[in-house]
Amino acid sequence: MKKLLIVSGVILTLLCIVFAAGCISEESPGSIVIMNSDGSTVTLNQTAERIVLLNSNAGEILYLLGDADKVVGISQSIANNAEQVKMYPNATVVGAWNEPDVEYLISLNADLVIGYATSKPKNAEVLASAGIPIVYIDCTKPNTMTQDIVEIGKISGNTEKAQQIAEYYNEVITEVESRVAPISATSSVYAESYTAYWGQGTDTGMGQLITIAGGSNIMNDAGSKKISDEWVVSSSPEIIVKLVNNMNDPKAAYDKSYQGPGSIRSLGSRMTRSGF
């Protein structure tokens, strides 16, 4: 009877250890936990060798890491950008950035998809049900940029170089802040994305950079939204920041965006090319 109790105790102890281990973590050895820009996490079984990009900003970090050859799929918007598309020689177009072709993604045998945390694909649930992991890393906002760079490095397995790039980014931001700090005067700024009159609010990447650079964003609300040309003109910004696809012909890009009576161009504001 005593031996039976001892054996039962050993078995019970072993079972407790097994169940406790399971409760502590469901991750398999060697798994990689990726933190999305919104604070949520995704667990990967291994580093990615076949990546689909819906987010051009995250793609630029992959390019800096020397891992652009791992990109097998890109969104149509990336393909439309003459400068960006050249960075991904092994990639084919998978559809729109906000609604990629799931069947085609499956045929590419992609390890994962990188999208925007601030604007997730409309068919994200379909992608998930197809067993294709999605990570949401913006690489657009200064307040998450350092962590975003580190996470991209974890995805590609290039953690050391990613850490170096993140540290350099912090050094540049710190330098800008230190130089701007003694300046009391501020300039009013209107920031616009690739789409005409799509203004960028205070918490967007462009909005945060305006604050860091000592400017005053004429859009006081959060997020990005369509605004009218009349509102921009009435706000009389001193500086206009506009995203463009390429700078092969800056004057043509300027004229295309701002021309005609009553347009923003009539303000005579200083146009500044942005690389945000």
C-alpha atoms as a PDB file:
ATOM      1  CA  MET A   1       0.000   0.000   0.000  1.00  0.00           C
ATOM      2  CA  LYS A   2       2.852   2.335   0.873  1.00  0.00           C
ATOM      3  CA  LYS A   3       4.574   1.623  -2.471  1.00  0.00           C
ATOM      4  CA  LEU A   4       1.312   2.309  -4.299  1.00  0.00           C
ATOM      5  CA  LEU A   5       1.000   5.695  -2.602  1.00  0.00           C
ATOM      6  CA  ILE A   6       4.599   6.576  -3.513  1.00  0.00           C
ATOM      7  CA  VAL A   7       4.105   5.605  -7.176  1.00  0.00           C
ATOM      8  CA  SER A   8       0.819   7.513  -7.297  1.00  0.00           C
ATOM      9  CA  GLY A   9       2.537  10.546  -5.828  1.00  0.00           C
ATOM     10  CA  VAL A  10       5.319  10.426  -8.453  1.00  0.00           C
ATOM     11  CA  ILE A  11       2.814  10.126 -11.303  1.00  0.00           C
ATOM     12  CA  LEU A  12       0.743  13.000  -9.920  1.00  0.00           C
ATOM     13  CA  THR A  13       3.856  15.149  -9.600  1.00  0.00           C
ATOM     14  CA  LEU A  14       4.884  14.423 -13.188  1.00  0.00           C
ATOM     15  CA  LEU A  15       1.391  15.236 -14.436  1.00  0.00           C
ATOM     16  CA  CYS A  16       1.441  18.533 -12.562  1.00  0.00           C
ATOM     17  CA  ILE A  17       4.789  19.423 -14.138  1.00  0.00           C
ATOM     18  CA  VAL A  18       3.505  18.622 -17.634  1.00  0.00           C
ATOM     19  CA  PHE A  19       0.271  20.578 -17.204  1.00  0.00           C
ATOM     20  CA  ALA A  20       2.067  23.483 -15.544  1.00  0.00           C
ATOM     21  CA  ALA A  21       4.492  23.686 -18.457  1.00  0.00           C
ATOM     22  CA  GLY A  22       1.570  23.791 -20.817  1.00  0.00           C
ATOM     23  CA  CYS A  23      -0.050  26.591 -18.839  1.00  0.00           C
ATOM     24  CA  ILE A  24       3.135  28.623 -18.738  1.00  0.00           C
ATOM     25  CA  SER A  25       3.593  28.696 -22.501  1.00  0.00           C
ATOM     26  CA  GLU A  26       2.031  27.234 -25.585  1.00  0.00           C
ATOM     27  CA  GLU A  27       4.975  28.302 -27.705  1.00  0.00           C
ATOM     28  CA  SER A  28       7.172  25.639 -29.219  1.00  0.00           C
ATOM     29  CA  PRO A  29      10.949  25.725 -28.720  1.00  0.00           C
ATOM     30  CA  GLY A  30      12.536  28.113 -31.220  1.00  0.00           C
ATOM     31  CA  SER A  31       9.314  30.039 -31.836  1.00  0.00           C
ATOM     32  CA  ILE A  32       9.490  33.795 -32.439  1.00  0.00           C
ATOM     33  CA  VAL A  33       7.073  36.241 -30.819  1.00  0.00           C
ATOM     34  CA  ILE A  34       6.507  39.356 -32.934  1.00  0.00           C
ATOM     35  CA  MET A  35       5.011  42.481 -31.414  1.00  0.00           C
ATOM     36  CA  ASN A  36       2.712  44.348 -33.780  1.00  0.00           C
ATOM     37  CA  SER A  37       2.665  48.146 -33.826  1.00  0.00           C
ATOM     38  CA  ASP A  38      -0.662  48.098 -31.962  1.00  0.00           C
ATOM     39  CA  GLY A  39       0.816  46.073 -29.087  1.00  0.00           C
ATOM     40  CA  SER A  40      -0.701  42.703 -29.997  1.00  0.00           C
ATOM     41  CA  THR A  41       1.562  39.722 -30.716  1.00  0.00           C
ATOM     42  CA  VAL A  42       1.948  37.005 -33.333  1.00  0.00           C
ATOM     43  CA  THR A  43       3.943  33.815 -32.789  1.00  0.00           C
ATOM     44  CA  LEU A  44       5.951  32.416 -35.697  1.00  0.00           C
ATOM     45  CA  ASN A  45       7.463  28.949 -35.819  1.00  0.00           C
ATOM     46  CA  GLN A  46      10.593  30.210 -37.568  1.00  0.00           C
ATOM     47  CA  THR A  47      12.088  33.162 -39.403  1.00  0.00           C
ATOM     48  CA  ALA A  48      10.449  33.989 -42.722  1.00  0.00           C
ATOM     49  CA  GLU A  49      12.083  33.148 -46.043  1.00  0.00           C
ATOM     50  CA  ARG A  50       9.072  33.988 -48.246  1.00  0.00           C
ATOM     51  CA  ILE A  51       7.449  37.305 -47.384  1.00  0.00           C
ATOM     52  CA  VAL A  52       4.472  39.124 -48.898  1.00  0.00           C
ATOM     53  CA  LEU A  53       4.517  42.903 -48.460  1.00  0.00           C
ATOM     54  CA  LEU A  54       1.362  44.966 -48.241  1.00  0.00           C
ATOM     55  CA  ASN A  55       3.270  47.659 -46.349  1.00  0.00           C
ATOM     56  CA  SER A  56       5.908  49.555 -48.332  1.00  0.00           C
ATOM     57  CA  ASN A  57       7.405  51.143 -45.213  1.00  0.00           C
ATOM     58  CA  ALA A  58       8.169  47.779 -43.627  1.00  0.00           C
ATOM     59  CA  GLY A  59       9.627  46.751 -46.987  1.00  0.00           C
ATOM     60  CA  GLU A  60      12.120  49.578 -46.856  1.00  0.00           C
ATOM     61  CA  ILE A  61      13.423  48.236 -43.544  1.00  0.00           C
ATOM     62  CA  LEU A  62      13.784  44.773 -45.087  1.00  0.00           C
ATOM     63  CA  TYR A  63      15.732  46.414 -47.898  1.00  0.00           C
ATOM     64  CA  LEU A  64      18.058  48.143 -45.420  1.00  0.00           C
ATOM     65  CA  LEU A  65      18.606  44.796 -43.709  1.00  0.00           C
ATOM     66  CA  GLY A  66      19.610  43.239 -47.029  1.00  0.00           C
ATOM     67  CA  ASP A  67      16.611  40.896 -46.956  1.00  0.00           C
ATOM     68  CA  ALA A  68      14.561  42.297 -49.846  1.00  0.00           C
ATOM     69  CA  ASP A  69      15.265  39.119 -51.836  1.00  0.00           C
ATOM     70  CA  LYS A  70      12.982  37.268 -49.408  1.00  0.00           C
ATOM     71  CA  VAL A  71       9.983  39.250 -50.662  1.00  0.00           C
ATOM     72  CA  VAL A  72       7.958  37.087 -53.065  1.00  0.00           C
ATOM     73  CA  GLY A  73       4.822  39.230 -53.224  1.00  0.00           C
ATOM     74  CA  ILE A  74       4.036  42.947 -53.178  1.00  0.00           C
ATOM     75  CA  SER A  75       0.867  45.028 -53.281  1.00  0.00           C
ATOM     76  CA  GLN A  76      -0.193  46.850 -56.434  1.00  0.00           C
ATOM     77  CA  SER A  77       0.581  50.202 -54.806  1.00  0.00           C
ATOM     78  CA  ILE A  78       4.197  49.137 -54.254  1.00  0.00           C
ATOM     79  CA  ALA A  79       4.395  47.903 -57.845  1.00  0.00           C
ATOM     80  CA  ASN A  80       3.124  51.293 -59.022  1.00  0.00           C
ATOM     81  CA  ASN A  81       6.007  53.078 -57.306  1.00  0.00           C
ATOM     82  CA  ALA A  82       8.908  53.206 -59.762  1.00  0.00           C
ATOM     83  CA  GLU A  83      11.525  53.452 -57.011  1.00  0.00           C
ATOM     84  CA  GLN A  84      10.111  50.859 -54.626  1.00  0.00           C
ATOM     85  CA  VAL A  85       9.341  48.092 -57.114  1.00  0.00           C
ATOM     86  CA  LYS A  86      13.013  47.873 -58.097  1.00  0.00           C
ATOM     87  CA  MET A  87      13.893  46.799 -54.562  1.00  0.00           C
ATOM     88  CA  TYR A  88      12.065  43.462 -54.893  1.00  0.00           C
ATOM     89  CA  PRO A  89      13.371  41.541 -57.921  1.00  0.00           C
ATOM     90  CA  ASN A  90      11.766  38.244 -56.817  1.00  0.00           C
ATOM     91  CA  ALA A  91       8.279  39.608 -56.159  1.00  0.00           C
ATOM     92  CA  THR A  92       5.009  39.448 -58.059  1.00  0.00           C
ATOM     93  CA  VAL A  93       1.864  41.512 -57.479  1.00  0.00           C
ATOM     94  CA  VAL A  94      -0.667  39.975 -55.072  1.00  0.00           C
ATOM     95  CA  GLY A  95      -3.435  42.546 -55.416  1.00  0.00           C
ATOM     96  CA  ALA A  96      -4.462  45.612 -53.435  1.00  0.00           C
ATOM     97  CA  TRP A  97      -2.698  46.446 -50.155  1.00  0.00           C
ATOM     98  CA  ASN A  98      -6.043  46.419 -48.330  1.00  0.00           C
ATOM     99  CA  GLU A  99      -7.490  43.316 -50.028  1.00  0.00           C
ATOM    100  CA  PRO A 100      -4.879  40.932 -51.469  1.00  0.00           C
ATOM    101  CA  ASP A 101      -5.698  37.842 -53.524  1.00  0.00           C
ATOM    102  CA  VAL A 102      -5.777  35.034 -50.943  1.00  0.00           C
ATOM    103  CA  GLU A 103      -5.682  32.195 -53.477  1.00  0.00           C
ATOM    104  CA  TYR A 104      -2.634  33.689 -55.127  1.00  0.00           C
ATOM    105  CA  LEU A 105      -0.944  34.157 -51.762  1.00  0.00           C
ATOM    106  CA  ILE A 106      -1.469  30.468 -51.030  1.00  0.00           C
ATOM    107  CA  SER A 107       0.068  29.557 -54.395  1.00  0.00           C
ATOM    108  CA  LEU A 108       3.174  31.581 -53.498  1.00  0.00           C
ATOM    109  CA  ASN A 109       3.688  29.418 -50.406  1.00  0.00           C
ATOM    110  CA  ALA A 110       4.243  32.582 -48.381  1.00  0.00           C
ATOM    111  CA  ASP A 111       5.542  32.270 -44.818  1.00  0.00           C
ATOM    112  CA  LEU A 112       3.788  35.447 -43.732  1.00  0.00           C
ATOM    113  CA  VAL A 113       2.224  38.732 -44.781  1.00  0.00           C
ATOM    114  CA  ILE A 114       3.292  42.136 -43.464  1.00  0.00           C
ATOM    115  CA  GLY A 115       0.484  44.715 -43.323  1.00  0.00           C
ATOM    116  CA  TYR A 116      -0.371  47.992 -41.608  1.00  0.00           C
ATOM    117  CA  ALA A 117      -1.588  47.920 -38.007  1.00  0.00           C
ATOM    118  CA  THR A 118      -3.420  51.193 -38.601  1.00  0.00           C
ATOM    119  CA  SER A 119      -5.279  49.847 -41.648  1.00  0.00           C
ATOM    120  CA  LYS A 120      -5.661  46.074 -41.729  1.00  0.00           C
ATOM    121  CA  PRO A 121      -6.718  44.147 -44.872  1.00  0.00           C
ATOM    122  CA  LYS A 122     -10.455  43.805 -45.411  1.00  0.00           C
ATOM    123  CA  ASN A 123     -10.014  40.046 -45.846  1.00  0.00           C
ATOM    124  CA  ALA A 124      -7.677  39.530 -42.870  1.00  0.00           C
ATOM    125  CA  GLU A 125      -9.897  36.780 -41.455  1.00  0.00           C
ATOM    126  CA  VAL A 126      -9.792  34.898 -44.751  1.00  0.00           C
ATOM    127  CA  LEU A 127      -5.993  35.088 -44.755  1.00  0.00           C
ATOM    128  CA  ALA A 128      -5.888  33.800 -41.183  1.00  0.00           C
ATOM    129  CA  SER A 129      -8.232  30.899 -41.987  1.00  0.00           C
ATOM    130  CA  ALA A 130      -5.945  29.996 -44.886  1.00  0.00           C
ATOM    131  CA  GLY A 131      -3.135  29.533 -42.361  1.00  0.00           C
ATOM    132  CA  ILE A 132      -1.066  32.498 -43.527  1.00  0.00           C
ATOM    133  CA  PRO A 133       0.274  34.498 -40.539  1.00  0.00           C
ATOM    134  CA  ILE A 134      -0.153  38.272 -40.732  1.00  0.00           C
ATOM    135  CA  VAL A 135       2.046  40.682 -38.809  1.00  0.00           C
ATOM    136  CA  TYR A 136       0.967  44.299 -38.531  1.00  0.00           C
ATOM    137  CA  ILE A 137       4.044  46.500 -38.421  1.00  0.00           C
ATOM    138  CA  ASP A 138       3.624  50.114 -39.557  1.00  0.00           C
ATOM    139  CA  CYS A 139       7.187  51.486 -39.672  1.00  0.00           C
ATOM    140  CA  THR A 140       5.659  54.954 -40.046  1.00  0.00           C
ATOM    141  CA  LYS A 141       5.383  56.465 -36.563  1.00  0.00           C
ATOM    142  CA  PRO A 142       8.369  57.689 -34.506  1.00  0.00           C
ATOM    143  CA  ASN A 143       6.788  56.491 -31.251  1.00  0.00           C
ATOM    144  CA  THR A 144       6.845  52.858 -32.446  1.00  0.00           C
ATOM    145  CA  MET A 145       9.552  52.974 -35.120  1.00  0.00           C
ATOM    146  CA  THR A 146      12.414  51.619 -33.016  1.00  0.00           C
ATOM    147  CA  GLN A 147      10.393  48.609 -31.907  1.00  0.00           C
ATOM    148  CA  ASP A 148       9.044  48.116 -35.434  1.00  0.00           C
ATOM    149  CA  ILE A 149      12.572  47.919 -36.852  1.00  0.00           C
ATOM    150  CA  VAL A 150      13.571  45.370 -34.211  1.00  0.00           C
ATOM    151  CA  GLU A 151      10.510  43.233 -35.012  1.00  0.00           C
ATOM    152  CA  ILE A 152      11.267  43.269 -38.758  1.00  0.00           C
ATOM    153  CA  GLY A 153      14.754  42.020 -37.885  1.00  0.00           C
ATOM    154  CA  LYS A 154      13.256  39.170 -35.863  1.00  0.00           C
ATOM    155  CA  ILE A 155      11.036  38.208 -38.789  1.00  0.00           C
ATOM    156  CA  SER A 156      13.949  37.942 -41.223  1.00  0.00           C
ATOM    157  CA  GLY A 157      16.430  36.599 -38.692  1.00  0.00           C
ATOM    158  CA  ASN A 158      18.653  39.677 -38.986  1.00  0.00           C
ATOM    159  CA  THR A 159      18.332  40.910 -35.401  1.00  0.00           C
ATOM    160  CA  GLU A 160      21.794  42.391 -34.914  1.00  0.00           C
ATOM    161  CA  LYS A 161      21.642  44.693 -37.939  1.00  0.00           C
ATOM    162  CA  ALA A 162      18.069  45.653 -37.091  1.00  0.00           C
ATOM    163  CA  GLN A 163      19.222  46.752 -33.640  1.00  0.00           C
ATOM    164  CA  GLN A 164      21.955  48.881 -35.230  1.00  0.00           C
ATOM    165  CA  ILE A 165      19.442  50.587 -37.547  1.00  0.00           C
ATOM    166  CA  ALA A 166      17.058  51.180 -34.639  1.00  0.00           C
ATOM    167  CA  GLU A 167      19.816  52.792 -32.595  1.00  0.00           C
ATOM    168  CA  TYR A 168      20.808  55.014 -35.521  1.00  0.00           C
ATOM    169  CA  TYR A 169      17.174  56.084 -35.952  1.00  0.00           C
ATOM    170  CA  ASN A 170      17.008  57.055 -32.277  1.00  0.00           C
ATOM    171  CA  GLU A 171      20.244  59.039 -32.588  1.00  0.00           C
ATOM    172  CA  VAL A 172      18.866  61.043 -35.516  1.00  0.00           C
ATOM    173  CA  ILE A 173      15.556  61.786 -33.757  1.00  0.00           C
ATOM    174  CA  THR A 174      17.403  62.832 -30.596  1.00  0.00           C
ATOM    175  CA  GLU A 175      19.687  65.113 -32.608  1.00  0.00           C
ATOM    176  CA  VAL A 176      16.735  66.795 -34.316  1.00  0.00           C
ATOM    177  CA  GLU A 177      14.953  67.320 -31.004  1.00  0.00           C
ATOM    178  CA  SER A 178      18.056  68.838 -29.408  1.00  0.00           C
ATOM    179  CA  ARG A 179      18.523  71.295 -32.275  1.00  0.00           C
ATOM    180  CA  VAL A 180      14.869  72.293 -32.353  1.00  0.00           C
ATOM    181  CA  ALA A 181      14.536  72.759 -28.587  1.00  0.00           C
ATOM    182  CA  PRO A 182      16.110  76.280 -28.401  1.00  0.00           C
ATOM    183  CA  ILE A 183      13.911  77.574 -31.261  1.00  0.00           C
ATOM    184  CA  SER A 184      10.806  79.392 -30.026  1.00  0.00           C
ATOM    185  CA  ALA A 185       9.180  80.186 -33.381  1.00  0.00           C
ATOM    186  CA  THR A 186       7.094  77.503 -35.107  1.00  0.00           C
ATOM    187  CA  SER A 187       5.825  77.221 -38.675  1.00  0.00           C
ATOM    188  CA  SER A 188       2.340  76.006 -39.562  1.00  0.00           C
ATOM    189  CA  VAL A 189       2.426  72.861 -41.696  1.00  0.00           C
ATOM    190  CA  TYR A 190      -0.013  70.992 -43.907  1.00  0.00           C
ATOM    191  CA  ALA A 191       1.004  67.347 -44.474  1.00  0.00           C
ATOM    192  CA  GLU A 192      -0.535  65.320 -47.286  1.00  0.00           C
ATOM    193  CA  SER A 193      -0.185  61.660 -48.282  1.00  0.00           C
ATOM    194  CA  TYR A 194       0.113  60.346 -51.851  1.00  0.00           C
ATOM    195  CA  THR A 195      -3.596  61.013 -52.355  1.00  0.00           C
ATOM    196  CA  ALA A 196      -4.580  64.611 -53.065  1.00  0.00           C
ATOM    197  CA  TYR A 197      -6.099  66.424 -50.076  1.00  0.00           C
ATOM    198  CA  TRP A 198      -5.711  63.430 -47.787  1.00  0.00           C
ATOM    199  CA  GLY A 199      -4.442  65.294 -44.742  1.00  0.00           C
ATOM    200  CA  GLN A 200      -2.338  63.796 -41.957  1.00  0.00           C
ATOM    201  CA  GLY A 201      -3.381  64.395 -38.349  1.00  0.00           C
ATOM    202  CA  THR A 202      -1.328  64.748 -35.190  1.00  0.00           C
ATOM    203  CA  ASP A 203      -0.901  61.036 -34.382  1.00  0.00           C
ATOM    204  CA  THR A 204       0.093  59.896 -37.892  1.00  0.00           C
ATOM    205  CA  GLY A 205       3.723  59.316 -38.817  1.00  0.00           C
ATOM    206  CA  MET A 206       3.931  62.626 -40.655  1.00  0.00           C
ATOM    207  CA  GLY A 207       2.091  64.379 -37.836  1.00  0.00           C
ATOM    208  CA  GLN A 208       4.510  63.093 -35.204  1.00  0.00           C
ATOM    209  CA  LEU A 209       7.509  64.104 -37.299  1.00  0.00           C
ATOM    210  CA  ILE A 210       6.104  67.617 -37.696  1.00  0.00           C
ATOM    211  CA  THR A 211       5.984  67.923 -33.900  1.00  0.00           C
ATOM    212  CA  ILE A 212       9.526  66.556 -33.500  1.00  0.00           C
ATOM    213  CA  ALA A 213      10.787  69.054 -36.092  1.00  0.00           C
ATOM    214  CA  GLY A 214       9.176  71.933 -34.192  1.00  0.00           C
ATOM    215  CA  GLY A 215       6.288  72.577 -36.577  1.00  0.00           C
ATOM    216  CA  SER A 216       2.603  73.153 -35.915  1.00  0.00           C
ATOM    217  CA  ASN A 217       0.228  70.840 -37.784  1.00  0.00           C
ATOM    218  CA  ILE A 218      -2.836  72.674 -39.109  1.00  0.00           C
ATOM    219  CA  MET A 219      -4.779  69.417 -38.620  1.00  0.00           C
ATOM    220  CA  ASN A 220      -5.371  69.260 -34.873  1.00  0.00           C
ATOM    221  CA  ASP A 221      -7.364  66.039 -34.871  1.00  0.00           C
ATOM    222  CA  ALA A 222      -6.041  62.484 -34.962  1.00  0.00           C
ATOM    223  CA  GLY A 223      -5.783  60.133 -37.917  1.00  0.00           C
ATOM    224  CA  SER A 224      -5.792  60.913 -41.620  1.00  0.00           C
ATOM    225  CA  LYS A 225      -8.804  62.042 -43.604  1.00  0.00           C
ATOM    226  CA  LYS A 226      -9.993  63.701 -46.773  1.00  0.00           C
ATOM    227  CA  ILE A 227     -10.175  67.469 -46.480  1.00  0.00           C
ATOM    228  CA  SER A 228     -11.170  70.241 -48.873  1.00  0.00           C
ATOM    229  CA  ASP A 229      -8.829  72.520 -50.758  1.00  0.00           C
ATOM    230  CA  GLU A 230     -10.829  75.481 -49.437  1.00  0.00           C
ATOM    231  CA  TRP A 231     -10.043  74.470 -45.843  1.00  0.00           C
ATOM    232  CA  VAL A 232      -6.331  74.193 -46.577  1.00  0.00           C
ATOM    233  CA  VAL A 233      -6.273  77.572 -48.309  1.00  0.00           C
ATOM    234  CA  SER A 234      -8.183  79.219 -45.462  1.00  0.00           C
ATOM    235  CA  SER A 235      -5.703  77.736 -42.945  1.00  0.00           C
ATOM    236  CA  SER A 236      -2.797  79.388 -44.824  1.00  0.00           C
ATOM    237  CA  PRO A 237      -0.030  76.900 -43.934  1.00  0.00           C
ATOM    238  CA  GLU A 238       3.493  78.243 -44.226  1.00  0.00           C
ATOM    239  CA  ILE A 239       4.868  74.869 -45.295  1.00  0.00           C
ATOM    240  CA  ILE A 240       3.304  72.042 -47.297  1.00  0.00           C
ATOM    241  CA  VAL A 241       4.708  68.512 -47.066  1.00  0.00           C
ATOM    242  CA  LYS A 242       3.591  66.181 -49.843  1.00  0.00           C
ATOM    243  CA  LEU A 243       4.375  62.497 -50.409  1.00  0.00           C
ATOM    244  CA  VAL A 244       5.105  61.608 -54.036  1.00  0.00           C
ATOM    245  CA  ASN A 245       5.949  58.306 -55.747  1.00  0.00           C
ATOM    246  CA  ASN A 246       9.256  59.515 -57.161  1.00  0.00           C
ATOM    247  CA  MET A 247      11.354  62.631 -57.577  1.00  0.00           C
ATOM    248  CA  ASN A 248      12.581  62.079 -61.142  1.00  0.00           C
ATOM    249  CA  ASP A 249      10.726  65.254 -62.123  1.00  0.00           C
ATOM    250  CA  PRO A 250       9.886  67.308 -59.016  1.00  0.00           C
ATOM    251  CA  LYS A 251       8.286  70.137 -60.977  1.00  0.00           C
ATOM    252  CA  ALA A 252       5.939  67.748 -62.782  1.00  0.00           C
ATOM    253  CA  ALA A 253       4.941  66.171 -59.455  1.00  0.00           C
ATOM    254  CA  TYR A 254       4.331  69.625 -57.995  1.00  0.00           C
ATOM    255  CA  ASP A 255       2.276  70.811 -60.957  1.00  0.00           C
ATOM    256  CA  LYS A 256       0.198  67.639 -60.989  1.00  0.00           C
ATOM    257  CA  SER A 257      -0.806  68.056 -57.372  1.00  0.00           C
ATOM    258  CA  TYR A 258      -1.205  71.819 -57.202  1.00  0.00           C
ATOM    259  CA  GLN A 259      -2.384  73.713 -60.228  1.00  0.00           C
ATOM    260  CA  GLY A 260      -5.187  76.056 -61.258  1.00  0.00           C
ATOM    261  CA  PRO A 261      -6.916  79.008 -59.583  1.00  0.00           C
ATOM    262  CA  GLY A 262      -7.821  78.527 -55.934  1.00  0.00           C
ATOM    263  CA  SER A 263      -5.494  75.542 -55.539  1.00  0.00           C
ATOM    264  CA  ILE A 264      -2.989  75.099 -52.734  1.00  0.00           C
ATOM    265  CA  ARG A 265      -0.317  76.253 -55.121  1.00  0.00           C
ATOM    266  CA  SER A 266      -1.873  79.729 -55.086  1.00  0.00           C
ATOM    267  CA  LEU A 267      -0.736  80.073 -51.483  1.00  0.00           C
ATOM    268  CA  GLY A 268       2.852  80.378 -52.594  1.00  0.00           C
ATOM    269  CA  SER A 269       3.799  78.051 -49.741  1.00  0.00           C
ATOM    270  CA  ARG A 270       7.102  76.275 -49.702  1.00  0.00           C
ATOM    271  CA  MET A 271       6.754  72.674 -50.944  1.00  0.00           C
ATOM    272  CA  THR A 272       8.957  70.161 -49.163  1.00  0.00           C
ATOM    273  CA  ARG A 273       9.531  66.604 -50.328  1.00  0.00           C
ATOM    274  CA  SER A 274       9.055  64.102 -47.524  1.00  0.00           C
ATOM    275  CA  GLY A 275      10.544  60.647 -47.120  1.00  0.00           C
ATOM    276  CA  PHE A 276       8.348  59.647 -44.167  1.00  0.00           C
END
